[in-house]
């Protein structure tokens, strides 16, 4: 039992690296990157690290996985990154991170028809509690909200939810580093002509921007996606999506610490609800695993 608990804890911690890293995207974008260049930021975040990983792993897709790699790369990178940076440029950091916390509902709704994963009642409750926590977190930053930013944030939730569910539907025949490299290269190649057409050539980049791009590419992309997909392979999609609620917690903490965003009792309550919902989501996942194990033992 202790080994099982340790394994679950380790898997949770590994998976949690991803939303924690993604929660830094908004403050890094706001404080370090050139303004109003979301497509360039998305391109630099995806393509260089993707090519480096592909050169290291030296393995290309085969057969049907060419098409699957393209679909996954477009969902998780090619469409997700521009929408994410659009939200980061047009919403306050805490709000942009908080909108991402609605992803458990999107993932559960998509997972039901696509992979037959019915949303457990406790998991739906966890997502609902998390959404209430998100609403309280949003109260601290009512200014600076634009329709374009909200559309980008919500669109990123939908496309990434589809990509995450498809990872469950299509178990990859390769290790996580290779799978991530395929998606980053596909997404980066798709972004390249769009970024050049819409934004033109690269903007002036100083040392701070180099540090920001490096952080987002290495930690916020390469490492984060390996950890996230590792969790998706071994846990229910809905449970993993609820771990993603740590994203707005990190975004909130960084916004308060470095951007002087307001933080009061409502935001403290919201953060507590979000963290509680993550615990509920893992409790639901544990119950599902025990039910499956009991059914297998009695078969």
C-alpha atoms as a PDB file:
ATOM      1  CA  UNK A   1       0.000   0.000   0.000  1.00  0.00           C
ATOM      2  CA  UNK A   2       2.819   2.403   0.870  1.00  0.00           C
ATOM      3  CA  UNK A   3       4.466   1.698  -2.478  1.00  0.00           C
ATOM      4  CA  UNK A   4       1.202   2.355  -4.310  1.00  0.00           C
ATOM      5  CA  UNK A   5       0.708   5.618  -2.405  1.00  0.00           C
ATOM      6  CA  UNK A   6       4.294   6.656  -3.121  1.00  0.00           C
ATOM      7  CA  UNK A   7       3.809   5.863  -6.798  1.00  0.00           C
ATOM      8  CA  UNK A   8       0.635   7.942  -6.969  1.00  0.00           C
ATOM      9  CA  UNK A   9       2.313  10.815  -5.131  1.00  0.00           C
ATOM     10  CA  UNK A  10       5.325  10.720  -7.428  1.00  0.00           C
ATOM     11  CA  UNK A  11       3.110  10.632 -10.518  1.00  0.00           C
ATOM     12  CA  UNK A  12       1.072  13.552  -9.183  1.00  0.00           C
ATOM     13  CA  UNK A  13       4.210  15.583  -8.500  1.00  0.00           C
ATOM     14  CA  UNK A  14       5.652  14.846 -11.939  1.00  0.00           C
ATOM     15  CA  UNK A  15       2.400  15.825 -13.644  1.00  0.00           C
ATOM     16  CA  UNK A  16       2.093  18.966 -11.501  1.00  0.00           C
ATOM     17  CA  UNK A  17       5.387  20.277 -12.891  1.00  0.00           C
ATOM     18  CA  UNK A  18       3.541  21.136 -16.115  1.00  0.00           C
ATOM     19  CA  UNK A  19       0.810  23.478 -14.805  1.00  0.00           C
ATOM     20  CA  UNK A  20       3.281  25.037 -12.389  1.00  0.00           C
ATOM     21  CA  UNK A  21       5.574  25.857 -15.315  1.00  0.00           C
ATOM     22  CA  UNK A  22       2.687  27.027 -17.491  1.00  0.00           C
ATOM     23  CA  UNK A  23       1.556  29.368 -14.715  1.00  0.00           C
ATOM     24  CA  UNK A  24       4.775  31.351 -15.217  1.00  0.00           C
ATOM     25  CA  UNK A  25       3.940  32.071 -18.873  1.00  0.00           C
ATOM     26  CA  UNK A  26       1.905  35.182 -18.140  1.00  0.00           C
ATOM     27  CA  UNK A  27       4.366  37.009 -15.884  1.00  0.00           C
ATOM     28  CA  UNK A  28       7.301  36.081 -18.129  1.00  0.00           C
ATOM     29  CA  UNK A  29       5.432  37.344 -21.188  1.00  0.00           C
ATOM     30  CA  UNK A  30       4.419  40.567 -19.471  1.00  0.00           C
ATOM     31  CA  UNK A  31       7.796  41.365 -17.919  1.00  0.00           C
ATOM     32  CA  UNK A  32      10.450  39.941 -20.242  1.00  0.00           C
ATOM     33  CA  UNK A  33       9.193  39.472 -23.812  1.00  0.00           C
ATOM     34  CA  UNK A  34       8.804  42.098 -26.577  1.00  0.00           C
ATOM     35  CA  UNK A  35       5.263  43.517 -26.628  1.00  0.00           C
ATOM     36  CA  UNK A  36       2.528  42.445 -29.037  1.00  0.00           C
ATOM     37  CA  UNK A  37       4.364  39.542 -30.681  1.00  0.00           C
ATOM     38  CA  UNK A  38       2.346  36.469 -29.633  1.00  0.00           C
ATOM     39  CA  UNK A  39       3.042  34.473 -32.810  1.00  0.00           C
ATOM     40  CA  UNK A  40       6.784  35.067 -32.632  1.00  0.00           C
ATOM     41  CA  UNK A  41       6.745  34.086 -28.949  1.00  0.00           C
ATOM     42  CA  UNK A  42       4.852  30.899 -29.769  1.00  0.00           C
ATOM     43  CA  UNK A  43       7.242  30.070 -32.611  1.00  0.00           C
ATOM     44  CA  UNK A  44      10.386  30.572 -30.537  1.00  0.00           C
ATOM     45  CA  UNK A  45       8.880  28.576 -27.696  1.00  0.00           C
ATOM     46  CA  UNK A  46       8.108  25.559 -29.906  1.00  0.00           C
ATOM     47  CA  UNK A  47      10.405  25.116 -32.895  1.00  0.00           C
ATOM     48  CA  UNK A  48      13.986  25.404 -31.511  1.00  0.00           C
ATOM     49  CA  UNK A  49      13.453  23.048 -28.570  1.00  0.00           C
ATOM     50  CA  UNK A  50      11.467  20.702 -30.817  1.00  0.00           C
ATOM     51  CA  UNK A  51      14.294  20.478 -33.339  1.00  0.00           C
ATOM     52  CA  UNK A  52      16.841  19.913 -30.562  1.00  0.00           C
ATOM     53  CA  UNK A  53      14.786  17.076 -29.080  1.00  0.00           C
ATOM     54  CA  UNK A  54      14.198  15.536 -32.522  1.00  0.00           C
ATOM     55  CA  UNK A  55      17.932  15.655 -33.282  1.00  0.00           C
ATOM     56  CA  UNK A  56      18.634  13.989 -29.957  1.00  0.00           C
ATOM     57  CA  UNK A  57      16.043  11.208 -30.277  1.00  0.00           C
ATOM     58  CA  UNK A  58      16.586  10.692 -34.042  1.00  0.00           C
ATOM     59  CA  UNK A  59      13.262   9.016 -34.673  1.00  0.00           C
ATOM     60  CA  UNK A  60      10.489  10.013 -37.064  1.00  0.00           C
ATOM     61  CA  UNK A  61       6.841   8.886 -37.084  1.00  0.00           C
ATOM     62  CA  UNK A  62       5.905   5.788 -39.073  1.00  0.00           C
ATOM     63  CA  UNK A  63       2.732   4.842 -40.906  1.00  0.00           C
ATOM     64  CA  UNK A  64      -0.451   6.286 -39.421  1.00  0.00           C
ATOM     65  CA  UNK A  65       1.543   8.177 -36.839  1.00  0.00           C
ATOM     66  CA  UNK A  66       2.502  10.801 -39.429  1.00  0.00           C
ATOM     67  CA  UNK A  67      -1.117  11.952 -39.509  1.00  0.00           C
ATOM     68  CA  UNK A  68      -1.564  11.567 -35.764  1.00  0.00           C
ATOM     69  CA  UNK A  69       1.578  13.570 -35.045  1.00  0.00           C
ATOM     70  CA  UNK A  70       0.280  16.373 -37.268  1.00  0.00           C
ATOM     71  CA  UNK A  71      -3.097  16.463 -35.502  1.00  0.00           C
ATOM     72  CA  UNK A  72      -1.510  16.393 -32.048  1.00  0.00           C
ATOM     73  CA  UNK A  73       1.067  18.989 -33.006  1.00  0.00           C
ATOM     74  CA  UNK A  74      -1.591  21.365 -34.318  1.00  0.00           C
ATOM     75  CA  UNK A  75      -3.887  20.929 -31.293  1.00  0.00           C
ATOM     76  CA  UNK A  76      -1.286  21.044 -28.540  1.00  0.00           C
ATOM     77  CA  UNK A  77       1.177  23.463 -30.129  1.00  0.00           C
ATOM     78  CA  UNK A  78       0.280  25.030 -33.482  1.00  0.00           C
ATOM     79  CA  UNK A  79      -3.109  26.389 -32.380  1.00  0.00           C
ATOM     80  CA  UNK A  80      -2.692  26.316 -28.600  1.00  0.00           C
ATOM     81  CA  UNK A  81       0.431  28.466 -28.317  1.00  0.00           C
ATOM     82  CA  UNK A  82      -0.805  31.469 -30.356  1.00  0.00           C
ATOM     83  CA  UNK A  83      -4.103  31.468 -28.473  1.00  0.00           C
ATOM     84  CA  UNK A  84      -2.271  31.198 -25.158  1.00  0.00           C
ATOM     85  CA  UNK A  85       0.030  34.123 -25.937  1.00  0.00           C
ATOM     86  CA  UNK A  86      -2.899  36.134 -27.296  1.00  0.00           C
ATOM     87  CA  UNK A  87      -4.525  35.737 -23.874  1.00  0.00           C
ATOM     88  CA  UNK A  88      -1.267  36.586 -22.116  1.00  0.00           C
ATOM     89  CA  UNK A  89      -0.916  39.837 -24.084  1.00  0.00           C
ATOM     90  CA  UNK A  90      -4.560  40.924 -23.758  1.00  0.00           C
ATOM     91  CA  UNK A  91      -5.578  39.847 -20.233  1.00  0.00           C
ATOM     92  CA  UNK A  92      -4.207  40.482 -16.746  1.00  0.00           C
ATOM     93  CA  UNK A  93      -1.876  37.643 -15.780  1.00  0.00           C
ATOM     94  CA  UNK A  94      -4.052  36.214 -13.031  1.00  0.00           C
ATOM     95  CA  UNK A  95      -7.182  36.252 -15.174  1.00  0.00           C
ATOM     96  CA  UNK A  96      -5.431  34.677 -18.159  1.00  0.00           C
ATOM     97  CA  UNK A  97      -4.141  31.877 -15.953  1.00  0.00           C
ATOM     98  CA  UNK A  98      -7.521  31.482 -14.291  1.00  0.00           C
ATOM     99  CA  UNK A  99      -9.448  30.997 -17.534  1.00  0.00           C
ATOM    100  CA  UNK A 100      -7.192  28.049 -18.215  1.00  0.00           C
ATOM    101  CA  UNK A 101      -8.603  26.452 -15.066  1.00  0.00           C
ATOM    102  CA  UNK A 102     -11.862  25.756 -16.906  1.00  0.00           C
ATOM    103  CA  UNK A 103     -10.025  23.077 -18.893  1.00  0.00           C
ATOM    104  CA  UNK A 104     -11.199  20.142 -16.707  1.00  0.00           C
ATOM    105  CA  UNK A 105     -14.742  20.622 -17.986  1.00  0.00           C
ATOM    106  CA  UNK A 106     -13.535  20.788 -21.588  1.00  0.00           C
ATOM    107  CA  UNK A 107     -11.390  17.687 -21.182  1.00  0.00           C
ATOM    108  CA  UNK A 108     -14.160  15.684 -19.484  1.00  0.00           C
ATOM    109  CA  UNK A 109     -16.728  16.708 -22.098  1.00  0.00           C
ATOM    110  CA  UNK A 110     -14.396  15.720 -24.932  1.00  0.00           C
ATOM    111  CA  UNK A 111     -13.147  12.521 -23.265  1.00  0.00           C
ATOM    112  CA  UNK A 112     -16.640  11.076 -22.832  1.00  0.00           C
ATOM    113  CA  UNK A 113     -17.489  10.632 -26.553  1.00  0.00           C
ATOM    114  CA  UNK A 114     -13.911  10.299 -27.814  1.00  0.00           C
ATOM    115  CA  UNK A 115     -12.448   7.693 -25.434  1.00  0.00           C
ATOM    116  CA  UNK A 116     -15.512   6.612 -23.459  1.00  0.00           C
ATOM    117  CA  UNK A 117     -14.241   8.091 -20.178  1.00  0.00           C
ATOM    118  CA  UNK A 118     -17.369   9.001 -18.231  1.00  0.00           C
ATOM    119  CA  UNK A 119     -16.872  11.932 -15.852  1.00  0.00           C
ATOM    120  CA  UNK A 120     -17.044  10.628 -12.282  1.00  0.00           C
ATOM    121  CA  UNK A 121     -19.390  12.565 -10.000  1.00  0.00           C
ATOM    122  CA  UNK A 122     -16.565  13.403  -7.585  1.00  0.00           C
ATOM    123  CA  UNK A 123     -14.429  14.651 -10.474  1.00  0.00           C
ATOM    124  CA  UNK A 124     -17.266  16.878 -11.726  1.00  0.00           C
ATOM    125  CA  UNK A 125     -17.616  18.217  -8.183  1.00  0.00           C
ATOM    126  CA  UNK A 126     -13.886  18.908  -8.097  1.00  0.00           C
ATOM    127  CA  UNK A 127     -14.065  20.789 -11.391  1.00  0.00           C
ATOM    128  CA  UNK A 128     -17.048  22.782 -10.123  1.00  0.00           C
ATOM    129  CA  UNK A 129     -15.260  23.709  -6.911  1.00  0.00           C
ATOM    130  CA  UNK A 130     -12.238  24.712  -8.954  1.00  0.00           C
ATOM    131  CA  UNK A 131     -14.360  26.863 -11.229  1.00  0.00           C
ATOM    132  CA  UNK A 132     -15.816  28.663  -8.208  1.00  0.00           C
ATOM    133  CA  UNK A 133     -12.291  29.216  -6.975  1.00  0.00           C
ATOM    134  CA  UNK A 134     -11.378  30.607 -10.386  1.00  0.00           C
ATOM    135  CA  UNK A 135     -14.304  33.030 -10.214  1.00  0.00           C
ATOM    136  CA  UNK A 136     -13.026  34.331  -6.884  1.00  0.00           C
ATOM    137  CA  UNK A 137      -9.508  34.666  -8.235  1.00  0.00           C
ATOM    138  CA  UNK A 138     -10.780  36.672 -11.214  1.00  0.00           C
ATOM    139  CA  UNK A 139     -12.332  39.256  -8.897  1.00  0.00           C
ATOM    140  CA  UNK A 140      -8.940  40.687  -8.151  1.00  0.00           C
ATOM    141  CA  UNK A 141      -8.264  41.897 -11.708  1.00  0.00           C
ATOM    142  CA  UNK A 142     -11.389  43.323 -13.369  1.00  0.00           C
ATOM    143  CA  UNK A 143      -9.502  45.901 -15.433  1.00  0.00           C
ATOM    144  CA  UNK A 144      -7.725  45.288 -18.706  1.00  0.00           C
ATOM    145  CA  UNK A 145     -10.059  42.542 -19.906  1.00  0.00           C
ATOM    146  CA  UNK A 146     -10.657  42.413 -23.666  1.00  0.00           C
ATOM    147  CA  UNK A 147     -12.923  40.232 -25.769  1.00  0.00           C
ATOM    148  CA  UNK A 148      -9.920  39.222 -27.896  1.00  0.00           C
ATOM    149  CA  UNK A 149      -8.008  38.084 -24.832  1.00  0.00           C
ATOM    150  CA  UNK A 150     -10.940  36.092 -23.489  1.00  0.00           C
ATOM    151  CA  UNK A 151     -11.487  34.468 -26.899  1.00  0.00           C
ATOM    152  CA  UNK A 152      -7.828  33.475 -27.003  1.00  0.00           C
ATOM    153  CA  UNK A 153      -7.919  32.022 -23.494  1.00  0.00           C
ATOM    154  CA  UNK A 154     -11.111  30.018 -24.082  1.00  0.00           C
ATOM    155  CA  UNK A 155      -9.946  28.843 -27.512  1.00  0.00           C
ATOM    156  CA  UNK A 156      -6.695  27.588 -26.006  1.00  0.00           C
ATOM    157  CA  UNK A 157      -8.703  25.548 -23.480  1.00  0.00           C
ATOM    158  CA  UNK A 158     -10.737  23.839 -26.211  1.00  0.00           C
ATOM    159  CA  UNK A 159      -7.896  22.952 -28.591  1.00  0.00           C
ATOM    160  CA  UNK A 160      -5.595  21.746 -25.828  1.00  0.00           C
ATOM    161  CA  UNK A 161      -8.436  19.692 -24.295  1.00  0.00           C
ATOM    162  CA  UNK A 162      -8.901  17.915 -27.618  1.00  0.00           C
ATOM    163  CA  UNK A 163      -5.170  17.322 -27.948  1.00  0.00           C
ATOM    164  CA  UNK A 164      -4.894  15.906 -24.439  1.00  0.00           C
ATOM    165  CA  UNK A 165      -7.772  13.490 -24.987  1.00  0.00           C
ATOM    166  CA  UNK A 166      -6.307  12.309 -28.285  1.00  0.00           C
ATOM    167  CA  UNK A 167      -3.091  11.446 -26.458  1.00  0.00           C
ATOM    168  CA  UNK A 168      -5.190   8.980 -24.460  1.00  0.00           C
ATOM    169  CA  UNK A 169      -6.935   7.654 -27.569  1.00  0.00           C
ATOM    170  CA  UNK A 170      -3.672   7.160 -29.464  1.00  0.00           C
ATOM    171  CA  UNK A 171      -1.111   5.542 -27.130  1.00  0.00           C
ATOM    172  CA  UNK A 172       2.247   6.571 -28.588  1.00  0.00           C
ATOM    173  CA  UNK A 173       4.686   3.886 -29.775  1.00  0.00           C
ATOM    174  CA  UNK A 174       7.654   5.956 -28.599  1.00  0.00           C
ATOM    175  CA  UNK A 175       9.008   7.563 -25.436  1.00  0.00           C
ATOM    176  CA  UNK A 176       7.706  10.921 -24.218  1.00  0.00           C
ATOM    177  CA  UNK A 177      10.676  12.968 -25.417  1.00  0.00           C
ATOM    178  CA  UNK A 178      10.199  11.691 -28.954  1.00  0.00           C
ATOM    179  CA  UNK A 179       6.448  12.295 -28.882  1.00  0.00           C
ATOM    180  CA  UNK A 180       6.960  15.841 -27.605  1.00  0.00           C
ATOM    181  CA  UNK A 181       9.585  16.519 -30.280  1.00  0.00           C
ATOM    182  CA  UNK A 182       7.177  15.513 -33.049  1.00  0.00           C
ATOM    183  CA  UNK A 183       4.465  17.811 -31.761  1.00  0.00           C
ATOM    184  CA  UNK A 184       6.775  20.775 -31.227  1.00  0.00           C
ATOM    185  CA  UNK A 185       8.254  20.501 -34.708  1.00  0.00           C
ATOM    186  CA  UNK A 186       4.832  20.141 -36.343  1.00  0.00           C
ATOM    187  CA  UNK A 187       3.447  23.071 -34.372  1.00  0.00           C
ATOM    188  CA  UNK A 188       6.528  25.206 -34.959  1.00  0.00           C
ATOM    189  CA  UNK A 189       6.584  24.565 -38.709  1.00  0.00           C
ATOM    190  CA  UNK A 190       2.874  25.446 -38.895  1.00  0.00           C
ATOM    191  CA  UNK A 191       3.496  28.658 -36.948  1.00  0.00           C
ATOM    192  CA  UNK A 192       6.476  29.844 -39.001  1.00  0.00           C
ATOM    193  CA  UNK A 193       4.693  31.151 -42.149  1.00  0.00           C
ATOM    194  CA  UNK A 194       1.788  32.529 -40.124  1.00  0.00           C
ATOM    195  CA  UNK A 195       4.114  34.455 -37.805  1.00  0.00           C
ATOM    196  CA  UNK A 196       6.104  35.886 -40.709  1.00  0.00           C
ATOM    197  CA  UNK A 197       2.943  36.891 -42.581  1.00  0.00           C
ATOM    198  CA  UNK A 198       1.122  38.460 -39.636  1.00  0.00           C
ATOM    199  CA  UNK A 199       3.987  39.959 -37.616  1.00  0.00           C
ATOM    200  CA  UNK A 200       6.860  40.245 -40.056  1.00  0.00           C
ATOM    201  CA  UNK A 201      10.473  39.653 -39.082  1.00  0.00           C
ATOM    202  CA  UNK A 202      11.755  39.035 -35.566  1.00  0.00           C
ATOM    203  CA  UNK A 203      11.561  41.940 -33.086  1.00  0.00           C
ATOM    204  CA  UNK A 204      14.609  43.377 -31.303  1.00  0.00           C
ATOM    205  CA  UNK A 205      15.561  40.995 -28.498  1.00  0.00           C
ATOM    206  CA  UNK A 206      17.540  41.939 -25.381  1.00  0.00           C
ATOM    207  CA  UNK A 207      19.066  39.711 -22.713  1.00  0.00           C
ATOM    208  CA  UNK A 208      15.880  39.734 -20.668  1.00  0.00           C
ATOM    209  CA  UNK A 209      13.878  38.502 -23.661  1.00  0.00           C
ATOM    210  CA  UNK A 210      16.449  35.780 -24.360  1.00  0.00           C
ATOM    211  CA  UNK A 211      16.110  34.611 -20.757  1.00  0.00           C
ATOM    212  CA  UNK A 212      12.315  34.657 -21.046  1.00  0.00           C
ATOM    213  CA  UNK A 213      12.231  32.723 -24.306  1.00  0.00           C
ATOM    214  CA  UNK A 214      14.733  30.196 -22.959  1.00  0.00           C
ATOM    215  CA  UNK A 215      12.693  29.609 -19.813  1.00  0.00           C
ATOM    216  CA  UNK A 216       9.460  29.146 -21.753  1.00  0.00           C
ATOM    217  CA  UNK A 217      11.057  26.827 -24.298  1.00  0.00           C
ATOM    218  CA  UNK A 218      13.080  24.580 -21.993  1.00  0.00           C
ATOM    219  CA  UNK A 219      11.039  24.505 -18.779  1.00  0.00           C
ATOM    220  CA  UNK A 220       7.606  25.729 -19.871  1.00  0.00           C
ATOM    221  CA  UNK A 221       7.540  23.570 -22.999  1.00  0.00           C
ATOM    222  CA  UNK A 222      10.055  20.724 -23.243  1.00  0.00           C
ATOM    223  CA  UNK A 223      10.051  19.669 -19.600  1.00  0.00           C
ATOM    224  CA  UNK A 224       6.405  20.579 -18.974  1.00  0.00           C
ATOM    225  CA  UNK A 225       4.997  18.560 -21.873  1.00  0.00           C
ATOM    226  CA  UNK A 226       7.053  15.477 -21.046  1.00  0.00           C
ATOM    227  CA  UNK A 227       5.715  15.595 -17.470  1.00  0.00           C
ATOM    228  CA  UNK A 228       2.128  16.309 -18.588  1.00  0.00           C
ATOM    229  CA  UNK A 229       1.957  13.520 -21.162  1.00  0.00           C
ATOM    230  CA  UNK A 230       3.520  11.131 -18.660  1.00  0.00           C
ATOM    231  CA  UNK A 231       0.568  11.831 -16.390  1.00  0.00           C
ATOM    232  CA  UNK A 232      -1.911  11.486 -19.241  1.00  0.00           C
ATOM    233  CA  UNK A 233      -0.610   8.020 -20.130  1.00  0.00           C
ATOM    234  CA  UNK A 234      -1.110   6.701 -16.593  1.00  0.00           C
ATOM    235  CA  UNK A 235      -4.080   8.643 -15.187  1.00  0.00           C
ATOM    236  CA  UNK A 236      -7.650   9.431 -16.326  1.00  0.00           C
ATOM    237  CA  UNK A 237      -7.744  12.496 -18.576  1.00  0.00           C
ATOM    238  CA  UNK A 238     -10.189  14.284 -16.273  1.00  0.00           C
ATOM    239  CA  UNK A 239      -7.953  13.736 -13.237  1.00  0.00           C
ATOM    240  CA  UNK A 240      -4.927  15.120 -15.067  1.00  0.00           C
ATOM    241  CA  UNK A 241      -6.913  18.128 -16.249  1.00  0.00           C
ATOM    242  CA  UNK A 242      -7.855  18.930 -12.652  1.00  0.00           C
ATOM    243  CA  UNK A 243      -4.152  18.954 -11.729  1.00  0.00           C
ATOM    244  CA  UNK A 244      -3.950  21.728 -14.327  1.00  0.00           C
ATOM    245  CA  UNK A 245      -5.824  23.933 -11.846  1.00  0.00           C
ATOM    246  CA  UNK A 246      -2.430  24.557 -10.253  1.00  0.00           C
ATOM    247  CA  UNK A 247      -1.765  26.813 -13.249  1.00  0.00           C
ATOM    248  CA  UNK A 248      -3.864  29.761 -11.957  1.00  0.00           C
ATOM    249  CA  UNK A 249      -2.536  29.280  -8.430  1.00  0.00           C
ATOM    250  CA  UNK A 250       1.000  29.828  -9.697  1.00  0.00           C
ATOM    251  CA  UNK A 251      -0.153  32.637 -11.998  1.00  0.00           C
ATOM    252  CA  UNK A 252      -1.907  34.327  -9.070  1.00  0.00           C
ATOM    253  CA  UNK A 253       1.069  34.020  -6.748  1.00  0.00           C
ATOM    254  CA  UNK A 254       3.456  35.432  -9.341  1.00  0.00           C
ATOM    255  CA  UNK A 255       1.045  38.222 -10.260  1.00  0.00           C
ATOM    256  CA  UNK A 256       0.819  39.283  -6.620  1.00  0.00           C
ATOM    257  CA  UNK A 257       4.560  38.975  -6.018  1.00  0.00           C
ATOM    258  CA  UNK A 258       5.888  40.654  -9.171  1.00  0.00           C
ATOM    259  CA  UNK A 259       3.045  42.641 -10.733  1.00  0.00           C
ATOM    260  CA  UNK A 260       1.441  44.089  -7.579  1.00  0.00           C
ATOM    261  CA  UNK A 261      -1.915  42.525  -8.432  1.00  0.00           C
ATOM    262  CA  UNK A 262      -4.483  42.821  -5.654  1.00  0.00           C
ATOM    263  CA  UNK A 263      -4.957  39.915  -3.265  1.00  0.00           C
ATOM    264  CA  UNK A 264      -7.639  39.850  -0.576  1.00  0.00           C
ATOM    265  CA  UNK A 265      -9.952  37.489   1.260  1.00  0.00           C
ATOM    266  CA  UNK A 266     -11.870  36.575  -1.895  1.00  0.00           C
ATOM    267  CA  UNK A 267      -8.706  35.598  -3.709  1.00  0.00           C
ATOM    268  CA  UNK A 268      -7.437  33.652  -0.693  1.00  0.00           C
ATOM    269  CA  UNK A 269     -10.723  31.739  -0.587  1.00  0.00           C
ATOM    270  CA  UNK A 270     -10.531  31.130  -4.319  1.00  0.00           C
ATOM    271  CA  UNK A 271      -7.018  29.757  -4.036  1.00  0.00           C
ATOM    272  CA  UNK A 272      -8.103  27.451  -1.212  1.00  0.00           C
ATOM    273  CA  UNK A 273     -11.011  26.175  -3.300  1.00  0.00           C
ATOM    274  CA  UNK A 274      -8.753  25.556  -6.290  1.00  0.00           C
ATOM    275  CA  UNK A 275      -6.256  23.601  -4.203  1.00  0.00           C
ATOM    276  CA  UNK A 276      -9.111  21.669  -2.581  1.00  0.00           C
ATOM    277  CA  UNK A 277     -10.509  20.772  -5.993  1.00  0.00           C
ATOM    278  CA  UNK A 278      -7.133  19.346  -7.015  1.00  0.00           C
ATOM    279  CA  UNK A 279      -7.256  17.092  -3.954  1.00  0.00           C
ATOM    280  CA  UNK A 280     -10.821  16.032  -4.777  1.00  0.00           C
ATOM    281  CA  UNK A 281      -9.794  15.202  -8.317  1.00  0.00           C
ATOM    282  CA  UNK A 282      -7.050  12.913  -7.093  1.00  0.00           C
ATOM    283  CA  UNK A 283      -9.436  11.262  -4.614  1.00  0.00           C
ATOM    284  CA  UNK A 284     -11.792  10.502  -7.508  1.00  0.00           C
ATOM    285  CA  UNK A 285      -8.923   9.056  -9.536  1.00  0.00           C
ATOM    286  CA  UNK A 286      -7.960   6.829  -6.609  1.00  0.00           C
ATOM    287  CA  UNK A 287     -11.498   5.499  -6.337  1.00  0.00           C
ATOM    288  CA  UNK A 288     -11.586   4.687 -10.038  1.00  0.00           C
ATOM    289  CA  UNK A 289      -8.281   2.816  -9.806  1.00  0.00           C
ATOM    290  CA  UNK A 290      -9.522   0.803  -6.824  1.00  0.00           C
ATOM    291  CA  UNK A 291     -12.766  -0.087  -8.637  1.00  0.00           C
ATOM    292  CA  UNK A 292     -10.866  -1.248 -11.702  1.00  0.00           C
ATOM    293  CA  UNK A 293      -8.482  -3.303  -9.580  1.00  0.00           C
ATOM    294  CA  UNK A 294     -11.374  -4.911  -7.681  1.00  0.00           C
ATOM    295  CA  UNK A 295     -13.171  -5.773 -10.917  1.00  0.00           C
ATOM    296  CA  UNK A 296     -10.002  -7.299 -12.354  1.00  0.00           C
ATOM    297  CA  UNK A 297      -9.429  -9.354  -9.194  1.00  0.00           C
ATOM    298  CA  UNK A 298     -12.954 -10.763  -9.239  1.00  0.00           C
ATOM    299  CA  UNK A 299     -12.911 -11.601 -12.953  1.00  0.00           C
END
